[in-house]
Amino acid sequence: MNDSGNLFEGFEAKAAQERFDTLLTRPGLRIERIVSTGQAGADGVWYDQPQTEWVALLSGSAVLRFEDEVEPRLLRPGDWMTIAPHRRHRVEATDGERPSVWLAVHVGG
């Protein structure tokens, strides 16, 4: 883990798998950069995390679905949200033309 960097450098423009880079960890806190290049979660698989997650989409686009909502949410650069612990959600799509760069802050758990 480095003590500085650039959120938009150090990854492939089109990769077979999502990339997760931990930027900072402290007790009860983890900050990571996630780079998605067209990936989506597997059908029927939901994230169910024990900690609060604050996430911002910095570039690209994504479609996020919550199990307790009828309609998915389209995220564009600059959109952010807080996801409560154990709120089941999934990534249904990410931009296949350019990297979708996320900043995720995990608190607690």
C-alpha atoms as a PDB file:
ATOM      1  CA  MET A   1       0.000   0.000   0.000  1.00  0.00           C
ATOM      2  CA  ASN A   2       1.344   3.423  -0.971  1.00  0.00           C
ATOM      3  CA  ASP A   3       0.855   6.698   0.859  1.00  0.00           C
ATOM      4  CA  SER A   4      -0.028   8.586  -2.344  1.00  0.00           C
ATOM      5  CA  GLY A   5      -1.120   7.930  -5.902  1.00  0.00           C
ATOM      6  CA  ASN A   6      -3.565   8.816  -8.636  1.00  0.00           C
ATOM      7  CA  LEU A   7      -7.041   7.282  -8.718  1.00  0.00           C
ATOM      8  CA  PHE A   8      -7.076   7.255 -12.530  1.00  0.00           C
ATOM      9  CA  GLU A   9      -3.718   5.566 -13.146  1.00  0.00           C
ATOM     10  CA  GLY A  10      -2.228   2.122 -12.675  1.00  0.00           C
ATOM     11  CA  PHE A  11      -4.872  -0.089 -14.272  1.00  0.00           C
ATOM     12  CA  GLU A  12      -5.764  -1.497 -17.671  1.00  0.00           C
ATOM     13  CA  ALA A  13      -8.424   0.289 -19.726  1.00  0.00           C
ATOM     14  CA  LYS A  14     -10.116  -3.071 -20.382  1.00  0.00           C
ATOM     15  CA  ALA A  15      -9.466  -5.918 -17.951  1.00  0.00           C
ATOM     16  CA  ALA A  16     -11.065  -9.347 -17.622  1.00  0.00           C
ATOM     17  CA  GLN A  17     -11.770  -8.815 -13.917  1.00  0.00           C
ATOM     18  CA  GLU A  18     -12.636  -5.944 -11.652  1.00  0.00           C
ATOM     19  CA  ARG A  19      -9.691  -4.476  -9.793  1.00  0.00           C
ATOM     20  CA  PHE A  20      -9.799  -3.743  -6.041  1.00  0.00           C
ATOM     21  CA  ASP A  21      -6.977  -1.637  -4.569  1.00  0.00           C
ATOM     22  CA  THR A  22      -6.888  -0.894  -0.850  1.00  0.00           C
ATOM     23  CA  LEU A  23      -5.737   2.705  -0.393  1.00  0.00           C
ATOM     24  CA  LEU A  24      -5.956   3.002   3.407  1.00  0.00           C
ATOM     25  CA  THR A  25      -6.845   0.776   6.323  1.00  0.00           C
ATOM     26  CA  ARG A  26      -7.319   1.704   9.947  1.00  0.00           C
ATOM     27  CA  PRO A  27      -9.293  -0.003  12.719  1.00  0.00           C
ATOM     28  CA  GLY A  28     -12.915   0.111  11.568  1.00  0.00           C
ATOM     29  CA  LEU A  29     -12.047   1.832   8.258  1.00  0.00           C
ATOM     30  CA  ARG A  30     -11.046   0.654   4.778  1.00  0.00           C
ATOM     31  CA  ILE A  31     -10.833   2.888   1.698  1.00  0.00           C
ATOM     32  CA  GLU A  32     -10.499   1.237  -1.673  1.00  0.00           C
ATOM     33  CA  ARG A  33     -10.481   2.048  -5.349  1.00  0.00           C
ATOM     34  CA  ILE A  34     -12.522  -0.297  -7.509  1.00  0.00           C
ATOM     35  CA  VAL A  35     -12.089  -0.303 -11.277  1.00  0.00           C
ATOM     36  CA  SER A  36     -14.815  -1.981 -13.335  1.00  0.00           C
ATOM     37  CA  THR A  37     -14.449  -2.385 -17.080  1.00  0.00           C
ATOM     38  CA  GLY A  38     -17.773  -3.852 -18.165  1.00  0.00           C
ATOM     39  CA  GLN A  39     -18.118  -6.338 -15.292  1.00  0.00           C
ATOM     40  CA  ALA A  40     -21.330  -7.034 -13.402  1.00  0.00           C
ATOM     41  CA  GLY A  41     -22.297  -9.273 -10.528  1.00  0.00           C
ATOM     42  CA  ALA A  42     -23.463 -12.818 -11.230  1.00  0.00           C
ATOM     43  CA  ASP A  43     -27.230 -13.214 -11.598  1.00  0.00           C
ATOM     44  CA  GLY A  44     -28.920 -13.756  -8.265  1.00  0.00           C
ATOM     45  CA  VAL A  45     -25.801 -12.972  -6.215  1.00  0.00           C
ATOM     46  CA  TRP A  46     -26.171 -10.111  -3.705  1.00  0.00           C
ATOM     47  CA  TYR A  47     -23.610  -8.278  -1.597  1.00  0.00           C
ATOM     48  CA  ASP A  48     -24.590  -8.421   2.092  1.00  0.00           C
ATOM     49  CA  GLN A  49     -21.880  -6.584   4.009  1.00  0.00           C
ATOM     50  CA  PRO A  50     -21.635  -6.203   7.797  1.00  0.00           C
ATOM     51  CA  GLN A  51     -20.250  -2.642   7.539  1.00  0.00           C
ATOM     52  CA  THR A  52     -21.554   0.668   6.219  1.00  0.00           C
ATOM     53  CA  GLU A  53     -20.259   1.454   2.744  1.00  0.00           C
ATOM     54  CA  TRP A  54     -20.038   4.936   1.255  1.00  0.00           C
ATOM     55  CA  VAL A  55     -19.371   4.732  -2.463  1.00  0.00           C
ATOM     56  CA  ALA A  56     -18.801   7.366  -5.169  1.00  0.00           C
ATOM     57  CA  LEU A  57     -18.558   6.769  -8.895  1.00  0.00           C
ATOM     58  CA  LEU A  58     -15.735   8.932 -10.258  1.00  0.00           C
ATOM     59  CA  SER A  59     -15.811   7.923 -13.934  1.00  0.00           C
ATOM     60  CA  GLY A  60     -17.724   5.649 -16.297  1.00  0.00           C
ATOM     61  CA  SER A  61     -21.224   4.509 -15.416  1.00  0.00           C
ATOM     62  CA  ALA A  62     -22.898   1.729 -13.476  1.00  0.00           C
ATOM     63  CA  VAL A  63     -26.272   0.226 -12.712  1.00  0.00           C
ATOM     64  CA  LEU A  64     -26.784  -0.666  -9.055  1.00  0.00           C
ATOM     65  CA  ARG A  65     -29.779  -2.626  -7.794  1.00  0.00           C
ATOM     66  CA  PHE A  66     -31.014  -2.955  -4.218  1.00  0.00           C
ATOM     67  CA  GLU A  67     -33.032  -6.017  -3.301  1.00  0.00           C
ATOM     68  CA  ASP A  68     -35.628  -3.836  -1.536  1.00  0.00           C
ATOM     69  CA  GLU A  69     -36.200  -1.498  -4.533  1.00  0.00           C
ATOM     70  CA  VAL A  70     -38.153  -2.207  -7.704  1.00  0.00           C
ATOM     71  CA  GLU A  71     -36.065  -0.086 -10.067  1.00  0.00           C
ATOM     72  CA  PRO A  72     -32.264  -0.177 -10.457  1.00  0.00           C
ATOM     73  CA  ARG A  73     -30.248   3.013 -10.026  1.00  0.00           C
ATOM     74  CA  LEU A  74     -28.136   4.424 -12.858  1.00  0.00           C
ATOM     75  CA  LEU A  75     -24.947   5.996 -11.527  1.00  0.00           C
ATOM     76  CA  ARG A  76     -22.982   8.638 -13.401  1.00  0.00           C
ATOM     77  CA  PRO A  77     -19.698  10.345 -12.499  1.00  0.00           C
ATOM     78  CA  GLY A  78     -20.104  12.289  -9.278  1.00  0.00           C
ATOM     79  CA  ASP A  79     -22.965  10.178  -7.919  1.00  0.00           C
ATOM     80  CA  TRP A  80     -22.453   8.817  -4.419  1.00  0.00           C
ATOM     81  CA  MET A  81     -24.485   6.956  -1.827  1.00  0.00           C
ATOM     82  CA  THR A  82     -24.318   5.372   1.588  1.00  0.00           C
ATOM     83  CA  ILE A  83     -25.230   1.694   1.789  1.00  0.00           C
ATOM     84  CA  ALA A  84     -26.388   0.540   5.225  1.00  0.00           C
ATOM     85  CA  PRO A  85     -25.009  -2.663   6.749  1.00  0.00           C
ATOM     86  CA  HIS A  86     -26.740  -5.796   5.403  1.00  0.00           C
ATOM     87  CA  ARG A  87     -28.662  -3.861   2.728  1.00  0.00           C
ATOM     88  CA  ARG A  88     -28.513  -6.365  -0.094  1.00  0.00           C
ATOM     89  CA  HIS A  89     -27.319  -4.905  -3.374  1.00  0.00           C
ATOM     90  CA  ARG A  90     -25.629  -5.871  -6.615  1.00  0.00           C
ATOM     91  CA  VAL A  91     -23.909  -4.284  -9.589  1.00  0.00           C
ATOM     92  CA  GLU A  92     -25.994  -5.103 -12.655  1.00  0.00           C
ATOM     93  CA  ALA A  93     -23.774  -3.382 -15.227  1.00  0.00           C
ATOM     94  CA  THR A  94     -20.749  -1.145 -15.652  1.00  0.00           C
ATOM     95  CA  ASP A  95     -19.555   0.847 -18.643  1.00  0.00           C
ATOM     96  CA  GLY A  96     -18.007  -1.435 -21.247  1.00  0.00           C
ATOM     97  CA  GLU A  97     -16.349   1.387 -23.203  1.00  0.00           C
ATOM     98  CA  ARG A  98     -14.356   3.138 -20.477  1.00  0.00           C
ATOM     99  CA  PRO A  99     -13.327   2.272 -16.918  1.00  0.00           C
ATOM    100  CA  SER A 100     -15.803   2.876 -14.126  1.00  0.00           C
ATOM    101  CA  VAL A 101     -13.686   4.056 -11.206  1.00  0.00           C
ATOM    102  CA  TRP A 102     -15.276   3.832  -7.755  1.00  0.00           C
ATOM    103  CA  LEU A 103     -14.080   5.152  -4.416  1.00  0.00           C
ATOM    104  CA  ALA A 104     -15.453   2.989  -1.602  1.00  0.00           C
ATOM    105  CA  VAL A 105     -15.196   3.757   2.096  1.00  0.00           C
ATOM    106  CA  HIS A 106     -16.084   0.883   4.458  1.00  0.00           C
ATOM    107  CA  VAL A 107     -16.806   1.890   8.049  1.00  0.00           C
ATOM    108  CA  GLY A 108     -17.309  -0.446  11.000  1.00  0.00           C
ATOM    109  CA  GLY A 109     -17.946  -4.165  10.911  1.00  0.00           C
END
